[in-house]
């Protein structure tokens, strides 16, 4: 999994970035999913009744600092 925090300069950061999930296939990593994050700092994968979920700890938007909601995605791949 690749979780993205920010890009750009501290005075003008880009926080709304796409993060990615990869799968190891035939000896290489292949991207299988892409999803929006906002200054993401961490992620965790968990399973409920055989369904995979990804919880992403977001932290920054252009207007809100360190009070951005965590998001839980259902993984369909």
PDB file of N, CA and C in Angstrom:
ATOM      1  N   UNK A   1       0.846  -1.157   0.000  1.00  0.00           N
ATOM      2  CA  UNK A   1       0.000   0.000   0.000  1.00  0.00           C
ATOM      3  C   UNK A   1       0.900   1.232   0.000  1.00  0.00           C
ATOM      4  N   UNK A   2       0.524   2.232  -0.747  1.00  0.00           N
ATOM      5  CA  UNK A   2       1.220   3.514  -0.784  1.00  0.00           C
ATOM      6  C   UNK A   2       0.240   4.584  -0.327  1.00  0.00           C
ATOM      7  N   UNK A   3       0.527   5.183   0.826  1.00  0.00           N
ATOM      8  CA  UNK A   3      -0.313   6.233   1.377  1.00  0.00           C
ATOM      9  C   UNK A   3       0.432   7.549   1.221  1.00  0.00           C
ATOM     10  N   UNK A   4      -0.213   8.552   0.649  1.00  0.00           N
ATOM     11  CA  UNK A   4       0.449   9.825   0.355  1.00  0.00           C
ATOM     12  C   UNK A   4       0.054  10.909   1.346  1.00  0.00           C
ATOM     13  N   UNK A   5       1.059  11.651   1.818  1.00  0.00           N
ATOM     14  CA  UNK A   5       0.867  12.711   2.800  1.00  0.00           C
ATOM     15  C   UNK A   5       0.683  14.058   2.099  1.00  0.00           C
ATOM     16  N   UNK A   6       1.752  14.658   1.621  1.00  0.00           N
ATOM     17  CA  UNK A   6       1.655  15.934   0.887  1.00  0.00           C
ATOM     18  C   UNK A   6       2.679  15.955  -0.241  1.00  0.00           C
ATOM     19  N   UNK A   7       2.437  16.841  -1.182  1.00  0.00           N
ATOM     20  CA  UNK A   7       3.399  17.163  -2.236  1.00  0.00           C
ATOM     21  C   UNK A   7       3.496  18.673  -2.318  1.00  0.00           C
ATOM     22  N   UNK A   8       4.618  19.161  -2.811  1.00  0.00           N
ATOM     23  CA  UNK A   8       4.790  20.593  -2.978  1.00  0.00           C
ATOM     24  C   UNK A   8       5.531  21.232  -1.825  1.00  0.00           C
ATOM     25  N   UNK A   9       5.479  22.534  -1.783  1.00  0.00           N
ATOM     26  CA  UNK A   9       6.167  23.327  -0.773  1.00  0.00           C
ATOM     27  C   UNK A   9       5.298  23.495   0.482  1.00  0.00           C
ATOM     28  N   UNK A  10       5.914  23.652   1.664  1.00  0.00           N
ATOM     29  CA  UNK A  10       5.133  23.870   2.883  1.00  0.00           C
ATOM     30  C   UNK A  10       4.213  25.092   2.801  1.00  0.00           C
ATOM     31  N   UNK A  11       4.606  26.096   2.043  1.00  0.00           N
ATOM     32  CA  UNK A  11       3.767  27.289   1.911  1.00  0.00           C
ATOM     33  C   UNK A  11       2.568  27.067   0.998  1.00  0.00           C
ATOM     34  N   UNK A  12       2.627  26.050   0.153  1.00  0.00           N
ATOM     35  CA  UNK A  12       1.527  25.739  -0.771  1.00  0.00           C
ATOM     36  C   UNK A  12       1.435  24.220  -0.957  1.00  0.00           C
ATOM     37  N   UNK A  13       1.088  23.488   0.114  1.00  0.00           N
ATOM     38  CA  UNK A  13       1.062  22.024  -0.005  1.00  0.00           C
ATOM     39  C   UNK A  13      -0.149  21.521  -0.784  1.00  0.00           C
ATOM     40  N   UNK A  14       0.067  20.427  -1.500  1.00  0.00           N
ATOM     41  CA  UNK A  14      -1.033  19.680  -2.119  1.00  0.00           C
ATOM     42  C   UNK A  14      -1.303  18.491  -1.212  1.00  0.00           C
ATOM     43  N   UNK A  15      -2.483  18.460  -0.612  1.00  0.00           N
ATOM     44  CA  UNK A  15      -2.807  17.379   0.326  1.00  0.00           C
ATOM     45  C   UNK A  15      -3.822  16.392  -0.227  1.00  0.00           C
ATOM     46  N   UNK A  16      -4.608  16.796  -1.197  1.00  0.00           N
ATOM     47  CA  UNK A  16      -5.610  15.899  -1.789  1.00  0.00           C
ATOM     48  C   UNK A  16      -4.936  15.078  -2.872  1.00  0.00           C
ATOM     49  N   UNK A  17      -4.473  13.899  -2.480  1.00  0.00           N
ATOM     50  CA  UNK A  17      -3.700  13.045  -3.367  1.00  0.00           C
ATOM     51  C   UNK A  17      -4.352  11.675  -3.486  1.00  0.00           C
ATOM     52  N   UNK A  18      -3.949  10.947  -4.492  1.00  0.00           N
ATOM     53  CA  UNK A  18      -4.424   9.580  -4.662  1.00  0.00           C
ATOM     54  C   UNK A  18      -3.415   8.623  -4.022  1.00  0.00           C
ATOM     55  N   UNK A  19      -3.910   7.674  -3.248  1.00  0.00           N
ATOM     56  CA  UNK A  19      -3.082   6.623  -2.666  1.00  0.00           C
ATOM     57  C   UNK A  19      -3.429   5.318  -3.369  1.00  0.00           C
ATOM     58  N   UNK A  20      -2.572   4.305  -3.194  1.00  0.00           N
ATOM     59  CA  UNK A  20      -2.719   3.101  -4.008  1.00  0.00           C
ATOM     60  C   UNK A  20      -2.555   1.816  -3.199  1.00  0.00           C
ATOM     61  N   UNK A  21      -3.221   0.767  -3.691  1.00  0.00           N
ATOM     62  CA  UNK A  21      -3.053  -0.585  -3.152  1.00  0.00           C
ATOM     63  C   UNK A  21      -2.455  -1.437  -4.264  1.00  0.00           C
ATOM     64  N   UNK A  22      -1.447  -2.225  -3.892  1.00  0.00           N
ATOM     65  CA  UNK A  22      -0.768  -3.088  -4.846  1.00  0.00           C
ATOM     66  C   UNK A  22      -0.919  -4.544  -4.437  1.00  0.00           C
ATOM     67  N   UNK A  23      -0.776  -5.425  -5.420  1.00  0.00           N
ATOM     68  CA  UNK A  23      -0.812  -6.871  -5.183  1.00  0.00           C
ATOM     69  C   UNK A  23       0.438  -7.468  -5.828  1.00  0.00           C
ATOM     70  N   UNK A  24       1.044  -8.422  -5.142  1.00  0.00           N
ATOM     71  CA  UNK A  24       2.213  -9.112  -5.671  1.00  0.00           C
ATOM     72  C   UNK A  24       1.736 -10.171  -6.651  1.00  0.00           C
ATOM     73  N   UNK A  25       2.068 -10.006  -7.936  1.00  0.00           N
ATOM     74  CA  UNK A  25       1.621 -10.916  -8.986  1.00  0.00           C
ATOM     75  C   UNK A  25       2.788 -11.237  -9.903  1.00  0.00           C
ATOM     76  N   UNK A  26       3.075 -12.523 -10.078  1.00  0.00           N
ATOM     77  CA  UNK A  26       4.132 -12.972 -10.984  1.00  0.00           C
ATOM     78  C   UNK A  26       5.454 -12.241 -10.747  1.00  0.00           C
ATOM     79  N   UNK A  27       5.833 -12.086  -9.481  1.00  0.00           N
ATOM     80  CA  UNK A  27       7.117 -11.508  -9.143  1.00  0.00           C
ATOM     81  C   UNK A  27       7.207  -9.999  -9.209  1.00  0.00           C
ATOM     82  N   UNK A  28       6.064  -9.325  -9.306  1.00  0.00           N
ATOM     83  CA  UNK A  28       6.101  -7.863  -9.331  1.00  0.00           C
ATOM     84  C   UNK A  28       4.857  -7.277  -8.675  1.00  0.00           C
ATOM     85  N   UNK A  29       4.974  -6.026  -8.243  1.00  0.00           N
ATOM     86  CA  UNK A  29       3.825  -5.328  -7.671  1.00  0.00           C
ATOM     87  C   UNK A  29       2.964  -4.750  -8.782  1.00  0.00           C
ATOM     88  N   UNK A  30       1.671  -5.009  -8.692  1.00  0.00           N
ATOM     89  CA  UNK A  30       0.713  -4.513  -9.678  1.00  0.00           C
ATOM     90  C   UNK A  30      -0.337  -3.685  -8.928  1.00  0.00           C
ATOM     91  N   UNK A  31      -0.580  -2.468  -9.389  1.00  0.00           N
ATOM     92  CA  UNK A  31      -1.589  -1.631  -8.753  1.00  0.00           C
ATOM     93  C   UNK A  31      -2.970  -2.210  -9.017  1.00  0.00           C
ATOM     94  N   UNK A  32      -3.759  -2.371  -7.937  1.00  0.00           N
ATOM     95  CA  UNK A  32      -5.096  -2.932  -8.092  1.00  0.00           C
ATOM     96  C   UNK A  32      -6.195  -1.959  -7.673  1.00  0.00           C
ATOM     97  N   UNK A  33      -5.822  -0.890  -6.970  1.00  0.00           N
ATOM     98  CA  UNK A  33      -6.835   0.067  -6.518  1.00  0.00           C
ATOM     99  C   UNK A  33      -6.181   1.416  -6.276  1.00  0.00           C
ATOM    100  N   UNK A  34      -6.959   2.477  -6.481  1.00  0.00           N
ATOM    101  CA  UNK A  34      -6.518   3.836  -6.215  1.00  0.00           C
ATOM    102  C   UNK A  34      -7.664   4.559  -5.519  1.00  0.00           C
ATOM    103  N   UNK A  35      -7.341   5.376  -4.499  1.00  0.00           N
ATOM    104  CA  UNK A  35      -8.390   6.042  -3.741  1.00  0.00           C
ATOM    105  C   UNK A  35      -7.891   7.377  -3.218  1.00  0.00           C
ATOM    106  N   UNK A  36      -8.825   8.291  -2.997  1.00  0.00           N
ATOM    107  CA  UNK A  36      -8.491   9.647  -2.557  1.00  0.00           C
ATOM    108  C   UNK A  36      -8.111   9.672  -1.087  1.00  0.00           C
ATOM    109  N   UNK A  37      -7.064  10.448  -0.764  1.00  0.00           N
ATOM    110  CA  UNK A  37      -6.661  10.691   0.613  1.00  0.00           C
ATOM    111  C   UNK A  37      -6.373  12.179   0.785  1.00  0.00           C
ATOM    112  N   UNK A  38      -6.353  12.625   2.045  1.00  0.00           N
ATOM    113  CA  UNK A  38      -6.125  14.042   2.340  1.00  0.00           C
ATOM    114  C   UNK A  38      -5.050  14.160   3.415  1.00  0.00           C
ATOM    115  N   UNK A  39      -3.804  14.275   2.985  1.00  0.00           N
ATOM    116  CA  UNK A  39      -2.705  14.335   3.941  1.00  0.00           C
ATOM    117  C   UNK A  39      -2.633  13.081   4.788  1.00  0.00           C
ATOM    118  N   UNK A  40      -2.761  11.937   4.154  1.00  0.00           N
ATOM    119  CA  UNK A  40      -2.811  10.658   4.880  1.00  0.00           C
ATOM    120  C   UNK A  40      -1.503  10.374   5.608  1.00  0.00           C
ATOM    121  N   UNK A  41      -1.617   9.878   6.834  1.00  0.00           N
ATOM    122  CA  UNK A  41      -0.434   9.566   7.631  1.00  0.00           C
ATOM    123  C   UNK A  41      -0.278   8.081   7.920  1.00  0.00           C
ATOM    124  N   UNK A  42      -1.357   7.312   7.810  1.00  0.00           N
ATOM    125  CA  UNK A  42      -1.277   5.888   8.124  1.00  0.00           C
ATOM    126  C   UNK A  42      -2.483   5.169   7.538  1.00  0.00           C
ATOM    127  N   UNK A  43      -2.363   3.861   7.420  1.00  0.00           N
ATOM    128  CA  UNK A  43      -3.482   3.042   6.942  1.00  0.00           C
ATOM    129  C   UNK A  43      -3.386   1.669   7.584  1.00  0.00           C
ATOM    130  N   UNK A  44      -4.532   1.031   7.719  1.00  0.00           N
ATOM    131  CA  UNK A  44      -4.592  -0.328   8.252  1.00  0.00           C
ATOM    132  C   UNK A  44      -5.613  -1.116   7.456  1.00  0.00           C
ATOM    133  N   UNK A  45      -5.297  -2.370   7.220  1.00  0.00           N
ATOM    134  CA  UNK A  45      -6.208  -3.273   6.513  1.00  0.00           C
ATOM    135  C   UNK A  45      -6.787  -4.237   7.537  1.00  0.00           C
ATOM    136  N   UNK A  46      -8.104  -4.464   7.454  1.00  0.00           N
ATOM    137  CA  UNK A  46      -8.731  -5.427   8.354  1.00  0.00           C
ATOM    138  C   UNK A  46      -9.872  -6.123   7.622  1.00  0.00           C
ATOM    139  N   UNK A  47     -10.319  -7.234   8.182  1.00  0.00           N
ATOM    140  CA  UNK A  47     -11.346  -8.059   7.564  1.00  0.00           C
ATOM    141  C   UNK A  47     -12.524  -8.224   8.514  1.00  0.00           C
ATOM    142  N   UNK A  48     -13.733  -8.145   7.961  1.00  0.00           N
ATOM    143  CA  UNK A  48     -14.958  -8.418   8.706  1.00  0.00           C
ATOM    144  C   UNK A  48     -15.785  -9.376   7.871  1.00  0.00           C
ATOM    145  N   UNK A  49     -16.028 -10.559   8.397  1.00  0.00           N
ATOM    146  CA  UNK A  49     -16.808 -11.587   7.686  1.00  0.00           C
ATOM    147  C   UNK A  49     -16.293 -11.827   6.271  1.00  0.00           C
ATOM    148  N   UNK A  50     -14.971 -11.835   6.105  1.00  0.00           N
ATOM    149  CA  UNK A  50     -14.367 -12.124   4.809  1.00  0.00           C
ATOM    150  C   UNK A  50     -14.268 -10.939   3.865  1.00  0.00           C
ATOM    151  N   UNK A  51     -14.757  -9.783   4.256  1.00  0.00           N
ATOM    152  CA  UNK A  51     -14.664  -8.576   3.436  1.00  0.00           C
ATOM    153  C   UNK A  51     -13.509  -7.728   3.936  1.00  0.00           C
ATOM    154  N   UNK A  52     -12.633  -7.302   3.014  1.00  0.00           N
ATOM    155  CA  UNK A  52     -11.486  -6.479   3.382  1.00  0.00           C
ATOM    156  C   UNK A  52     -11.839  -5.000   3.406  1.00  0.00           C
ATOM    157  N   UNK A  53     -11.294  -4.296   4.397  1.00  0.00           N
ATOM    158  CA  UNK A  53     -11.477  -2.862   4.537  1.00  0.00           C
ATOM    159  C   UNK A  53     -10.107  -2.206   4.715  1.00  0.00           C
ATOM    160  N   UNK A  54     -10.006  -0.951   4.308  1.00  0.00           N
ATOM    161  CA  UNK A  54      -8.805  -0.156   4.519  1.00  0.00           C
ATOM    162  C   UNK A  54      -9.225   1.097   5.281  1.00  0.00           C
ATOM    163  N   UNK A  55      -8.651   1.287   6.462  1.00  0.00           N
ATOM    164  CA  UNK A  55      -8.893   2.508   7.244  1.00  0.00           C
ATOM    165  C   UNK A  55      -7.714   3.446   7.003  1.00  0.00           C
ATOM    166  N   UNK A  56      -8.010   4.679   6.595  1.00  0.00           N
ATOM    167  CA  UNK A  56      -6.970   5.656   6.284  1.00  0.00           C
ATOM    168  C   UNK A  56      -7.080   6.832   7.240  1.00  0.00           C
ATOM    169  N   UNK A  57      -5.977   7.120   7.917  1.00  0.00           N
ATOM    170  CA  UNK A  57      -5.903   8.255   8.827  1.00  0.00           C
ATOM    171  C   UNK A  57      -5.474   9.488   8.030  1.00  0.00           C
ATOM    172  N   UNK A  58      -6.443  10.327   7.704  1.00  0.00           N
ATOM    173  CA  UNK A  58      -6.155  11.581   7.007  1.00  0.00           C
ATOM    174  C   UNK A  58      -5.811  12.647   8.047  1.00  0.00           C
ATOM    175  N   UNK A  59      -5.048  13.665   7.641  1.00  0.00           N
ATOM    176  CA  UNK A  59      -4.668  14.677   8.627  1.00  0.00           C
ATOM    177  C   UNK A  59      -4.777  16.115   8.129  1.00  0.00           C
ATOM    178  N   UNK A  60      -4.683  16.334   6.841  1.00  0.00           N
ATOM    179  CA  UNK A  60      -4.602  17.711   6.341  1.00  0.00           C
ATOM    180  C   UNK A  60      -5.455  17.923   5.099  1.00  0.00           C
ATOM    181  N   UNK A  61      -6.095  19.070   5.047  1.00  0.00           N
ATOM    182  CA  UNK A  61      -6.633  19.600   3.800  1.00  0.00           C
ATOM    183  C   UNK A  61      -6.085  21.020   3.699  1.00  0.00           C
ATOM    184  N   UNK A  62      -6.380  21.699   2.627  1.00  0.00           N
ATOM    185  CA  UNK A  62      -5.889  23.061   2.477  1.00  0.00           C
ATOM    186  C   UNK A  62      -6.430  23.952   3.596  1.00  0.00           C
ATOM    187  N   UNK A  63      -7.674  23.722   4.010  1.00  0.00           N
ATOM    188  CA  UNK A  63      -8.320  24.580   5.005  1.00  0.00           C
ATOM    189  C   UNK A  63      -8.291  24.039   6.435  1.00  0.00           C
ATOM    190  N   UNK A  64      -8.177  22.731   6.598  1.00  0.00           N
ATOM    191  CA  UNK A  64      -8.271  22.116   7.923  1.00  0.00           C
ATOM    192  C   UNK A  64      -6.977  21.369   8.222  1.00  0.00           C
ATOM    193  N   UNK A  65      -6.369  21.664   9.337  1.00  0.00           N
ATOM    194  CA  UNK A  65      -5.111  21.022   9.720  1.00  0.00           C
ATOM    195  C   UNK A  65      -5.321  20.142  10.948  1.00  0.00           C
ATOM    196  N   UNK A  66      -4.977  18.872  10.820  1.00  0.00           N
ATOM    197  CA  UNK A  66      -4.974  17.900  11.903  1.00  0.00           C
ATOM    198  C   UNK A  66      -6.340  17.661  12.538  1.00  0.00           C
ATOM    199  N   UNK A  67      -7.407  17.902  11.779  1.00  0.00           N
ATOM    200  CA  UNK A  67      -8.754  17.570  12.239  1.00  0.00           C
ATOM    201  C   UNK A  67      -9.553  16.958  11.088  1.00  0.00           C
ATOM    202  N   UNK A  68      -8.876  16.340  10.180  1.00  0.00           N
ATOM    203  CA  UNK A  68      -9.514  15.746   9.015  1.00  0.00           C
ATOM    204  C   UNK A  68      -9.950  14.319   9.360  1.00  0.00           C
ATOM    205  N   UNK A  69     -11.122  13.928   8.916  1.00  0.00           N
ATOM    206  CA  UNK A  69     -11.703  12.632   9.278  1.00  0.00           C
ATOM    207  C   UNK A  69     -10.915  11.451   8.719  1.00  0.00           C
ATOM    208  N   UNK A  70     -10.907  10.386   9.508  1.00  0.00           N
ATOM    209  CA  UNK A  70     -10.431   9.094   9.038  1.00  0.00           C
ATOM    210  C   UNK A  70     -11.515   8.505   8.148  1.00  0.00           C
ATOM    211  N   UNK A  71     -11.108   7.796   7.101  1.00  0.00           N
ATOM    212  CA  UNK A  71     -12.061   7.209   6.161  1.00  0.00           C
ATOM    213  C   UNK A  71     -11.833   5.706   6.102  1.00  0.00           C
ATOM    214  N   UNK A  72     -12.923   4.945   6.024  1.00  0.00           N
ATOM    215  CA  UNK A  72     -12.828   3.500   5.859  1.00  0.00           C
ATOM    216  C   UNK A  72     -13.401   3.136   4.497  1.00  0.00           C
ATOM    217  N   UNK A  73     -12.567   2.456   3.701  1.00  0.00           N
ATOM    218  CA  UNK A  73     -12.963   2.017   2.368  1.00  0.00           C
ATOM    219  C   UNK A  73     -13.182   0.509   2.379  1.00  0.00           C
ATOM    220  N   UNK A  74     -14.174   0.043   1.634  1.00  0.00           N
ATOM    221  CA  UNK A  74     -14.357  -1.398   1.425  1.00  0.00           C
ATOM    222  C   UNK A  74     -13.582  -1.760   0.179  1.00  0.00           C
ATOM    223  N   UNK A  75     -12.734  -2.773   0.300  1.00  0.00           N
ATOM    224  CA  UNK A  75     -11.894  -3.205  -0.826  1.00  0.00           C
ATOM    225  C   UNK A  75     -12.615  -4.282  -1.598  1.00  0.00           C
ATOM    226  N   UNK A  76     -12.834  -4.025  -2.881  1.00  0.00           N
ATOM    227  CA  UNK A  76     -13.572  -4.961  -3.730  1.00  0.00           C
ATOM    228  C   UNK A  76     -12.669  -5.824  -4.601  1.00  0.00           C
ATOM    229  N   UNK A  77     -11.369  -5.565  -4.581  1.00  0.00           N
ATOM    230  CA  UNK A  77     -10.447  -6.232  -5.497  1.00  0.00           C
ATOM    231  C   UNK A  77      -9.922  -7.493  -4.978  1.00  0.00           C
TER     232      UNK A  77
END
